[in-house]
Amino acid sequence: NILHQAIYYPSFLSPEATSILEGLLERDPSRRL
């Protein structure tokens, strides 16, 4: 799951919360926030 599953971002998250989570959970370390 960590390597392949798409991460679900619920609609109740603010755009800022979704953005920071996407940045921190980027699988490619060279592109990670």
Full PDB file with SEQRES, HELIX, SHEET, SSBOND, CRYST1, ORIGX, SCALE, CONECT and MASTER records, all heavy atoms in Angstrom:
SEQRES   1 A   33  ASN ILE LEU HIS GLN ALA ILE TYR TYR PRO SER PHE LEU          
SEQRES   2 A   33  SER PRO GLU ALA THR SER ILE LEU GLU GLY LEU LEU GLU          
SEQRES   3 A   33  ARG ASP PRO SER ARG ARG LEU                                  
HELIX    1 AA1 PRO A   15  LEU A   24  1                                  10    
HELIX    2 AA2 PRO A   29  ARG A   31  5                                   3    
CRYST1    1.000    1.000    1.000  90.00  90.00  90.00 P 1           1          
ORIGX1      1.000000  0.000000  0.000000        0.00000                         
ORIGX2      0.000000  1.000000  0.000000        0.00000                         
ORIGX3      0.000000  0.000000  1.000000        0.00000                         
SCALE1      1.000000  0.000000  0.000000        0.00000                         
SCALE2      0.000000  1.000000  0.000000        0.00000                         
SCALE3      0.000000  0.000000  1.000000        0.00000                         
ATOM      1  N   ASN A   1       0.823  -1.214   0.000  1.00  0.00           N  
ATOM      2  CA  ASN A   1       0.000   0.000   0.000  1.00  0.00           C  
ATOM      3  C   ASN A   1       0.855   1.262   0.000  1.00  0.00           C  
ATOM      4  O   ASN A   1       0.555   2.224  -0.714  1.00  0.00           O  
ATOM      5  CB  ASN A   1      -0.941   0.010   1.200  1.00  0.00           C  
ATOM      6  CG  ASN A   1      -2.046  -1.012   1.096  1.00  0.00           C  
ATOM      7  OD1 ASN A   1      -2.240  -1.639   0.060  1.00  0.00           O  
ATOM      8  ND2 ASN A   1      -2.768  -1.206   2.179  1.00  0.00           N  
ATOM      9  N   ILE A   2       1.902   1.267   0.800  1.00  0.00           N  
ATOM     10  CA  ILE A   2       2.788   2.433   0.864  1.00  0.00           C  
ATOM     11  C   ILE A   2       3.403   2.712  -0.507  1.00  0.00           C  
ATOM     12  O   ILE A   2       3.489   3.860  -0.936  1.00  0.00           O  
ATOM     13  CB  ILE A   2       3.877   2.242   1.938  1.00  0.00           C  
ATOM     14  CG1 ILE A   2       3.252   2.309   3.328  1.00  0.00           C  
ATOM     15  CG2 ILE A   2       4.988   3.281   1.784  1.00  0.00           C  
ATOM     16  CD1 ILE A   2       4.176   1.878   4.447  1.00  0.00           C  
ATOM     17  N   LEU A   3       3.800   1.673  -1.201  1.00  0.00           N  
ATOM     18  CA  LEU A   3       4.464   1.838  -2.493  1.00  0.00           C  
ATOM     19  C   LEU A   3       3.513   2.092  -3.653  1.00  0.00           C  
ATOM     20  O   LEU A   3       3.880   2.778  -4.612  1.00  0.00           O  
ATOM     21  CB  LEU A   3       5.326   0.611  -2.803  1.00  0.00           C  
ATOM     22  CG  LEU A   3       6.528   0.391  -1.901  1.00  0.00           C  
ATOM     23  CD1 LEU A   3       7.180  -0.946  -2.222  1.00  0.00           C  
ATOM     24  CD2 LEU A   3       7.525   1.527  -2.046  1.00  0.00           C  
ATOM     25  N   HIS A   4       2.277   1.561  -3.582  1.00  0.00           N  
ATOM     26  CA  HIS A   4       1.437   1.557  -4.779  1.00  0.00           C  
ATOM     27  C   HIS A   4       0.041   2.162  -4.626  1.00  0.00           C  
ATOM     28  O   HIS A   4      -0.533   2.598  -5.618  1.00  0.00           O  
ATOM     29  CB  HIS A   4       1.279   0.117  -5.293  1.00  0.00           C  
ATOM     30  CG  HIS A   4       2.584  -0.538  -5.589  1.00  0.00           C  
ATOM     31  ND1 HIS A   4       3.378  -0.199  -6.658  1.00  0.00           N  
ATOM     32  CD2 HIS A   4       3.256  -1.516  -4.931  1.00  0.00           C  
ATOM     33  CE1 HIS A   4       4.463  -0.933  -6.659  1.00  0.00           C  
ATOM     34  NE2 HIS A   4       4.425  -1.739  -5.619  1.00  0.00           N  
ATOM     35  N   GLN A   5      -0.521   2.154  -3.456  1.00  0.00           N  
ATOM     36  CA  GLN A   5      -1.900   2.594  -3.282  1.00  0.00           C  
ATOM     37  C   GLN A   5      -2.000   4.109  -3.384  1.00  0.00           C  
ATOM     38  O   GLN A   5      -1.213   4.843  -2.789  1.00  0.00           O  
ATOM     39  CB  GLN A   5      -2.436   2.143  -1.922  1.00  0.00           C  
ATOM     40  CG  GLN A   5      -3.851   2.583  -1.642  1.00  0.00           C  
ATOM     41  CD  GLN A   5      -4.308   2.196  -0.241  1.00  0.00           C  
ATOM     42  OE1 GLN A   5      -3.546   1.642   0.549  1.00  0.00           O  
ATOM     43  NE2 GLN A   5      -5.538   2.491   0.067  1.00  0.00           N  
ATOM     44  N   ALA A   6      -2.987   4.581  -4.121  1.00  0.00           N  
ATOM     45  CA  ALA A   6      -3.255   6.024  -4.187  1.00  0.00           C  
ATOM     46  C   ALA A   6      -3.763   6.469  -2.818  1.00  0.00           C  
ATOM     47  O   ALA A   6      -4.513   5.755  -2.147  1.00  0.00           O  
ATOM     48  CB  ALA A   6      -4.296   6.309  -5.255  1.00  0.00           C  
ATOM     49  N   ILE A   7      -3.344   7.639  -2.407  1.00  0.00           N  
ATOM     50  CA  ILE A   7      -3.765   8.176  -1.109  1.00  0.00           C  
ATOM     51  C   ILE A   7      -5.040   8.982  -1.316  1.00  0.00           C  
ATOM     52  O   ILE A   7      -5.118   9.830  -2.207  1.00  0.00           O  
ATOM     53  CB  ILE A   7      -2.659   9.047  -0.487  1.00  0.00           C  
ATOM     54  CG1 ILE A   7      -1.408   8.211  -0.264  1.00  0.00           C  
ATOM     55  CG2 ILE A   7      -3.137   9.665   0.823  1.00  0.00           C  
ATOM     56  CD1 ILE A   7      -0.182   9.010   0.144  1.00  0.00           C  
ATOM     57  N   TYR A   8      -6.044   8.718  -0.497  1.00  0.00           N  
ATOM     58  CA  TYR A   8      -7.323   9.409  -0.556  1.00  0.00           C  
ATOM     59  C   TYR A   8      -7.257  10.647   0.333  1.00  0.00           C  
ATOM     60  O   TYR A   8      -6.907  10.546   1.515  1.00  0.00           O  
ATOM     61  CB  TYR A   8      -8.434   8.467  -0.092  1.00  0.00           C  
ATOM     62  CG  TYR A   8      -9.753   9.143   0.150  1.00  0.00           C  
ATOM     63  CD1 TYR A   8     -10.505   9.638  -0.905  1.00  0.00           C  
ATOM     64  CD2 TYR A   8     -10.245   9.293   1.436  1.00  0.00           C  
ATOM     65  CE1 TYR A   8     -11.719  10.266  -0.690  1.00  0.00           C  
ATOM     66  CE2 TYR A   8     -11.461   9.910   1.670  1.00  0.00           C  
ATOM     67  CZ  TYR A   8     -12.191  10.399   0.601  1.00  0.00           C  
ATOM     68  OH  TYR A   8     -13.386  11.018   0.821  1.00  0.00           O  
ATOM     69  N   TYR A   9      -7.598  11.787  -0.234  1.00  0.00           N  
ATOM     70  CA  TYR A   9      -7.636  13.042   0.513  1.00  0.00           C  
ATOM     71  C   TYR A   9      -9.105  13.464   0.614  1.00  0.00           C  
ATOM     72  O   TYR A   9      -9.696  13.903  -0.372  1.00  0.00           O  
ATOM     73  CB  TYR A   9      -6.793  14.114  -0.170  1.00  0.00           C  
ATOM     74  CG  TYR A   9      -5.323  13.746  -0.207  1.00  0.00           C  
ATOM     75  CD1 TYR A   9      -4.759  13.152  -1.330  1.00  0.00           C  
ATOM     76  CD2 TYR A   9      -4.518  13.944   0.898  1.00  0.00           C  
ATOM     77  CE1 TYR A   9      -3.419  12.794  -1.357  1.00  0.00           C  
ATOM     78  CE2 TYR A   9      -3.173  13.581   0.882  1.00  0.00           C  
ATOM     79  CZ  TYR A   9      -2.643  13.012  -0.245  1.00  0.00           C  
ATOM     80  OH  TYR A   9      -1.314  12.650  -0.265  1.00  0.00           O  
ATOM     81  N   PRO A  10      -9.718  13.323   1.801  1.00  0.00           N  
ATOM     82  CA  PRO A  10     -11.138  13.642   1.952  1.00  0.00           C  
ATOM     83  C   PRO A  10     -11.447  15.098   1.593  1.00  0.00           C  
ATOM     84  O   PRO A  10     -10.612  15.987   1.759  1.00  0.00           O  
ATOM     85  CB  PRO A  10     -11.404  13.400   3.441  1.00  0.00           C  
ATOM     86  CG  PRO A  10     -10.301  12.520   3.907  1.00  0.00           C  
ATOM     87  CD  PRO A  10      -9.116  12.862   3.062  1.00  0.00           C  
ATOM     88  N   SER A  11     -12.666  15.315   1.134  1.00  0.00           N  
ATOM     89  CA  SER A  11     -13.071  16.657   0.708  1.00  0.00           C  
ATOM     90  C   SER A  11     -13.164  17.638   1.874  1.00  0.00           C  
ATOM     91  O   SER A  11     -13.152  18.852   1.652  1.00  0.00           O  
ATOM     92  CB  SER A  11     -14.400  16.594  -0.037  1.00  0.00           C  
ATOM     93  OG  SER A  11     -15.417  16.072   0.803  1.00  0.00           O  
ATOM     94  N   PHE A  12     -13.242  17.145   3.118  1.00  0.00           N  
ATOM     95  CA  PHE A  12     -13.313  18.068   4.248  1.00  0.00           C  
ATOM     96  C   PHE A  12     -11.966  18.716   4.570  1.00  0.00           C  
ATOM     97  O   PHE A  12     -11.900  19.675   5.326  1.00  0.00           O  
ATOM     98  CB  PHE A  12     -13.897  17.402   5.504  1.00  0.00           C  
ATOM     99  CG  PHE A  12     -13.097  16.254   6.052  1.00  0.00           C  
ATOM    100  CD1 PHE A  12     -11.940  16.469   6.789  1.00  0.00           C  
ATOM    101  CD2 PHE A  12     -13.524  14.954   5.858  1.00  0.00           C  
ATOM    102  CE1 PHE A  12     -11.213  15.406   7.306  1.00  0.00           C  
ATOM    103  CE2 PHE A  12     -12.814  13.887   6.374  1.00  0.00           C  
ATOM    104  CZ  PHE A  12     -11.653  14.112   7.098  1.00  0.00           C  
ATOM    105  N   LEU A  13     -10.882  18.213   3.989  1.00  0.00           N  
ATOM    106  CA  LEU A  13      -9.574  18.839   4.194  1.00  0.00           C  
ATOM    107  C   LEU A  13      -9.509  20.146   3.403  1.00  0.00           C  
ATOM    108  O   LEU A  13      -9.991  20.215   2.274  1.00  0.00           O  
ATOM    109  CB  LEU A  13      -8.447  17.921   3.714  1.00  0.00           C  
ATOM    110  CG  LEU A  13      -8.182  16.664   4.528  1.00  0.00           C  
ATOM    111  CD1 LEU A  13      -7.123  15.806   3.829  1.00  0.00           C  
ATOM    112  CD2 LEU A  13      -7.739  17.005   5.936  1.00  0.00           C  
ATOM    113  N   SER A  14      -8.896  21.139   3.995  1.00  0.00           N  
ATOM    114  CA  SER A  14      -8.706  22.404   3.280  1.00  0.00           C  
ATOM    115  C   SER A  14      -7.713  22.176   2.134  1.00  0.00           C  
ATOM    116  O   SER A  14      -6.913  21.232   2.179  1.00  0.00           O  
ATOM    117  CB  SER A  14      -8.159  23.474   4.228  1.00  0.00           C  
ATOM    118  OG  SER A  14      -6.822  23.163   4.599  1.00  0.00           O  
ATOM    119  N   PRO A  15      -7.735  23.041   1.138  1.00  0.00           N  
ATOM    120  CA  PRO A  15      -6.736  22.926   0.065  1.00  0.00           C  
ATOM    121  C   PRO A  15      -5.308  22.996   0.604  1.00  0.00           C  
ATOM    122  O   PRO A  15      -4.418  22.301   0.109  1.00  0.00           O  
ATOM    123  CB  PRO A  15      -7.042  24.107  -0.850  1.00  0.00           C  
ATOM    124  CG  PRO A  15      -8.475  24.432  -0.595  1.00  0.00           C  
ATOM    125  CD  PRO A  15      -8.711  24.098   0.857  1.00  0.00           C  
ATOM    126  N   GLU A  16      -5.081  23.804   1.630  1.00  0.00           N  
ATOM    127  CA  GLU A  16      -3.744  23.916   2.222  1.00  0.00           C  
ATOM    128  C   GLU A  16      -3.334  22.622   2.905  1.00  0.00           C  
ATOM    129  O   GLU A  16      -2.181  22.196   2.809  1.00  0.00           O  
ATOM    130  CB  GLU A  16      -3.691  25.085   3.229  1.00  0.00           C  
ATOM    131  CG  GLU A  16      -3.916  26.434   2.618  1.00  0.00           C  
ATOM    132  CD  GLU A  16      -5.377  26.811   2.425  1.00  0.00           C  
ATOM    133  OE1 GLU A  16      -6.271  26.063   2.866  1.00  0.00           O  
ATOM    134  OE2 GLU A  16      -5.629  27.846   1.805  1.00  0.00           O  
ATOM    135  N   ALA A  17      -4.280  21.990   3.613  1.00  0.00           N  
ATOM    136  CA  ALA A  17      -3.987  20.719   4.283  1.00  0.00           C  
ATOM    137  C   ALA A  17      -3.690  19.635   3.250  1.00  0.00           C  
ATOM    138  O   ALA A  17      -2.721  18.877   3.395  1.00  0.00           O  
ATOM    139  CB  ALA A  17      -5.148  20.299   5.180  1.00  0.00           C  
ATOM    140  N   THR A  18      -4.501  19.568   2.208  1.00  0.00           N  
ATOM    141  CA  THR A  18      -4.267  18.582   1.158  1.00  0.00           C  
ATOM    142  C   THR A  18      -2.907  18.806   0.510  1.00  0.00           C  
ATOM    143  O   THR A  18      -2.144  17.861   0.290  1.00  0.00           O  
ATOM    144  CB  THR A  18      -5.379  18.634   0.100  1.00  0.00           C  
ATOM    145  OG1 THR A  18      -6.634  18.353   0.738  1.00  0.00           O  
ATOM    146  CG2 THR A  18      -5.147  17.621  -1.016  1.00  0.00           C  
ATOM    147  N   SER A  19      -2.582  20.053   0.243  1.00  0.00           N  
ATOM    148  CA  SER A  19      -1.310  20.388  -0.403  1.00  0.00           C  
ATOM    149  C   SER A  19      -0.109  19.967   0.433  1.00  0.00           C  
ATOM    150  O   SER A  19       0.843  19.375  -0.084  1.00  0.00           O  
ATOM    151  CB  SER A  19      -1.250  21.886  -0.692  1.00  0.00           C  
ATOM    152  OG  SER A  19       0.015  22.266  -1.157  1.00  0.00           O  
ATOM    153  N   ILE A  20      -0.143  20.259   1.723  1.00  0.00           N  
ATOM    154  CA  ILE A  20       1.012  19.910   2.555  1.00  0.00           C  
ATOM    155  C   ILE A  20       1.124  18.398   2.711  1.00  0.00           C  
ATOM    156  O   ILE A  20       2.224  17.841   2.699  1.00  0.00           O  
ATOM    157  CB  ILE A  20       0.996  20.630   3.925  1.00  0.00           C  
ATOM    158  CG1 ILE A  20       2.412  20.617   4.521  1.00  0.00           C  
ATOM    159  CG2 ILE A  20      -0.017  20.051   4.878  1.00  0.00           C  
ATOM    160  CD1 ILE A  20       2.637  21.589   5.636  1.00  0.00           C  
ATOM    161  N   LEU A  21      -0.013  17.714   2.832  1.00  0.00           N  
ATOM    162  CA  LEU A  21       0.026  16.256   2.931  1.00  0.00           C  
ATOM    163  C   LEU A  21       0.555  15.636   1.649  1.00  0.00           C  
ATOM    164  O   LEU A  21       1.387  14.725   1.682  1.00  0.00           O  
ATOM    165  CB  LEU A  21      -1.356  15.702   3.261  1.00  0.00           C  
ATOM    166  CG  LEU A  21      -1.885  16.010   4.657  1.00  0.00           C  
ATOM    167  CD1 LEU A  21      -3.331  15.555   4.793  1.00  0.00           C  
ATOM    168  CD2 LEU A  21      -1.015  15.402   5.733  1.00  0.00           C  
ATOM    169  N   GLU A  22       0.099  16.127   0.507  1.00  0.00           N  
ATOM    170  CA  GLU A  22       0.608  15.616  -0.769  1.00  0.00           C  
ATOM    171  C   GLU A  22       2.114  15.838  -0.875  1.00  0.00           C  
ATOM    172  O   GLU A  22       2.838  14.971  -1.361  1.00  0.00           O  
ATOM    173  CB  GLU A  22      -0.097  16.299  -1.940  1.00  0.00           C  
ATOM    174  CG  GLU A  22      -1.517  15.868  -2.131  1.00  0.00           C  
ATOM    175  CD  GLU A  22      -2.240  16.649  -3.208  1.00  0.00           C  
ATOM    176  OE1 GLU A  22      -1.872  17.819  -3.477  1.00  0.00           O  
ATOM    177  OE2 GLU A  22      -3.186  16.098  -3.779  1.00  0.00           O  
ATOM    178  N   GLY A  23       2.577  17.000  -0.419  1.00  0.00           N  
ATOM    179  CA  GLY A  23       4.004  17.297  -0.481  1.00  0.00           C  
ATOM    180  C   GLY A  23       4.835  16.416   0.429  1.00  0.00           C  
ATOM    181  O   GLY A  23       5.901  15.936   0.050  1.00  0.00           O  
ATOM    182  N   LEU A  24       4.338  16.174   1.632  1.00  0.00           N  
ATOM    183  CA  LEU A  24       5.076  15.346   2.589  1.00  0.00           C  
ATOM    184  C   LEU A  24       5.001  13.861   2.257  1.00  0.00           C  
ATOM    185  O   LEU A  24       5.929  13.106   2.554  1.00  0.00           O  
ATOM    186  CB  LEU A  24       4.554  15.589   4.008  1.00  0.00           C  
ATOM    187  CG  LEU A  24       4.877  16.955   4.605  1.00  0.00           C  
ATOM    188  CD1 LEU A  24       4.066  17.183   5.875  1.00  0.00           C  
ATOM    189  CD2 LEU A  24       6.360  17.112   4.858  1.00  0.00           C  
ATOM    190  N   LEU A  25       3.909  13.435   1.639  1.00  0.00           N  
ATOM    191  CA  LEU A  25       3.730  12.018   1.322  1.00  0.00           C  
ATOM    192  C   LEU A  25       4.136  11.681  -0.112  1.00  0.00           C  
ATOM    193  O   LEU A  25       3.853  10.586  -0.599  1.00  0.00           O  
ATOM    194  CB  LEU A  25       2.275  11.594   1.584  1.00  0.00           C  
ATOM    195  CG  LEU A  25       1.857  11.662   3.055  1.00  0.00           C  
ATOM    196  CD1 LEU A  25       0.361  11.403   3.205  1.00  0.00           C  
ATOM    197  CD2 LEU A  25       2.663  10.695   3.902  1.00  0.00           C  
ATOM    198  N   GLU A  26       4.837  12.591  -0.750  1.00  0.00           N  
ATOM    199  CA  GLU A  26       5.382  12.345  -2.090  1.00  0.00           C  
ATOM    200  C   GLU A  26       6.318  11.140  -2.006  1.00  0.00           C  
ATOM    201  O   GLU A  26       7.226  11.099  -1.169  1.00  0.00           O  
ATOM    202  CB  GLU A  26       6.142  13.580  -2.575  1.00  0.00           C  
ATOM    203  CG  GLU A  26       7.016  13.369  -3.766  1.00  0.00           C  
ATOM    204  CD  GLU A  26       6.281  12.920  -5.008  1.00  0.00           C  
ATOM    205  OE1 GLU A  26       5.259  13.537  -5.343  1.00  0.00           O  
ATOM    206  OE2 GLU A  26       6.742  11.932  -5.624  1.00  0.00           O  
ATOM    207  N   ARG A  27       6.085  10.163  -2.860  1.00  0.00           N  
ATOM    208  CA  ARG A  27       6.887   8.930  -2.801  1.00  0.00           C  
ATOM    209  C   ARG A  27       8.327   9.130  -3.263  1.00  0.00           C  
ATOM    210  O   ARG A  27       9.226   8.437  -2.812  1.00  0.00           O  
ATOM    211  CB  ARG A  27       6.197   7.835  -3.603  1.00  0.00           C  
ATOM    212  CG  ARG A  27       4.968   7.300  -2.885  1.00  0.00           C  
ATOM    213  CD  ARG A  27       4.315   6.160  -3.630  1.00  0.00           C  
ATOM    214  NE  ARG A  27       3.284   5.542  -2.830  1.00  0.00           N  
ATOM    215  CZ  ARG A  27       1.990   5.828  -2.939  1.00  0.00           C  
ATOM    216  NH1 ARG A  27       1.578   6.723  -3.815  1.00  0.00           N  
ATOM    217  NH2 ARG A  27       1.110   5.212  -2.169  1.00  0.00           N  
ATOM    218  N   ASP A  28       8.539  10.062  -4.143  1.00  0.00           N  
ATOM    219  CA  ASP A  28       9.894  10.346  -4.637  1.00  0.00           C  
ATOM    220  C   ASP A  28      10.580  11.303  -3.663  1.00  0.00           C  
ATOM    221  O   ASP A  28      10.218  12.482  -3.599  1.00  0.00           O  
ATOM    222  CB  ASP A  28       9.823  10.961  -6.030  1.00  0.00           C  
ATOM    223  CG  ASP A  28      11.181  11.298  -6.613  1.00  0.00           C  
ATOM    224  OD1 ASP A  28      12.203  11.206  -5.894  1.00  0.00           O  
ATOM    225  OD2 ASP A  28      11.224  11.658  -7.801  1.00  0.00           O  
ATOM    226  N   PRO A  29      11.548  10.846  -2.887  1.00  0.00           N  
ATOM    227  CA  PRO A  29      12.195  11.705  -1.883  1.00  0.00           C  
ATOM    228  C   PRO A  29      12.801  12.981  -2.470  1.00  0.00           C  
ATOM    229  O   PRO A  29      12.837  14.002  -1.795  1.00  0.00           O  
ATOM    230  CB  PRO A  29      13.287  10.827  -1.276  1.00  0.00           C  
ATOM    231  CG  PRO A  29      12.891   9.432  -1.594  1.00  0.00           C  
ATOM    232  CD  PRO A  29      12.105   9.492  -2.876  1.00  0.00           C  
ATOM    233  N   SER A  30      13.247  12.932  -3.706  1.00  0.00           N  
ATOM    234  CA  SER A  30      13.858  14.128  -4.299  1.00  0.00           C  
ATOM    235  C   SER A  30      12.818  15.206  -4.593  1.00  0.00           C  
ATOM    236  O   SER A  30      13.167  16.371  -4.768  1.00  0.00           O  
ATOM    237  CB  SER A  30      14.617  13.773  -5.585  1.00  0.00           C  
ATOM    238  OG  SER A  30      13.720  13.375  -6.606  1.00  0.00           O  
ATOM    239  N   ARG A  31      11.535  14.841  -4.617  1.00  0.00           N  
ATOM    240  CA  ARG A  31      10.461  15.804  -4.877  1.00  0.00           C  
ATOM    241  C   ARG A  31       9.628  16.091  -3.631  1.00  0.00           C  
ATOM    242  O   ARG A  31       8.686  16.870  -3.668  1.00  0.00           O  
ATOM    243  CB  ARG A  31       9.563  15.288  -5.996  1.00  0.00           C  
ATOM    244  CG  ARG A  31      10.296  15.176  -7.308  1.00  0.00           C  
ATOM    245  CD  ARG A  31       9.447  14.730  -8.466  1.00  0.00           C  
ATOM    246  NE  ARG A  31       8.011  14.772  -8.205  1.00  0.00           N  
ATOM    247  CZ  ARG A  31       7.117  14.104  -8.876  1.00  0.00           C  
ATOM    248  NH1 ARG A  31       7.468  13.331  -9.861  1.00  0.00           N  
ATOM    249  NH2 ARG A  31       5.831  14.180  -8.590  1.00  0.00           N  
ATOM    250  N   ARG A  32       9.947  15.445  -2.517  1.00  0.00           N  
ATOM    251  CA  ARG A  32       9.178  15.573  -1.281  1.00  0.00           C  
ATOM    252  C   ARG A  32       9.368  16.950  -0.658  1.00  0.00           C  
ATOM    253  O   ARG A  32      10.467  17.517  -0.669  1.00  0.00           O  
ATOM    254  CB  ARG A  32       9.616  14.483  -0.300  1.00  0.00           C  
ATOM    255  CG  ARG A  32       8.738  14.358   0.923  1.00  0.00           C  
ATOM    256  CD  ARG A  32       9.081  13.119   1.711  1.00  0.00           C  
ATOM    257  NE  ARG A  32       8.842  11.944   0.890  1.00  0.00           N  
ATOM    258  CZ  ARG A  32       9.593  10.847   0.930  1.00  0.00           C  
ATOM    259  NH1 ARG A  32      10.624  10.766   1.755  1.00  0.00           N  
ATOM    260  NH2 ARG A  32       9.320   9.819   0.157  1.00  0.00           N  
ATOM    261  N   LEU A  33       8.294  17.496  -0.104  1.00  0.00           N  
ATOM    262  CA  LEU A  33       8.338  18.771   0.595  1.00  0.00           C  
ATOM    263  C   LEU A  33       9.356  18.686   1.734  1.00  0.00           C  
ATOM    264  O   LEU A  33       9.368  17.719   2.494  1.00  0.00           O  
ATOM    265  CB  LEU A  33       6.955  19.105   1.142  1.00  0.00           C  
ATOM    266  CG  LEU A  33       6.746  20.488   1.730  1.00  0.00           C  
ATOM    267  CD1 LEU A  33       6.926  21.559   0.650  1.00  0.00           C  
ATOM    268  CD2 LEU A  33       5.366  20.595   2.341  1.00  0.00           C  
TER     269      LEU A  33                                                      
MASTER        0    0    0    2    0    0    0    6  268    1    0    3          
END                                                                             
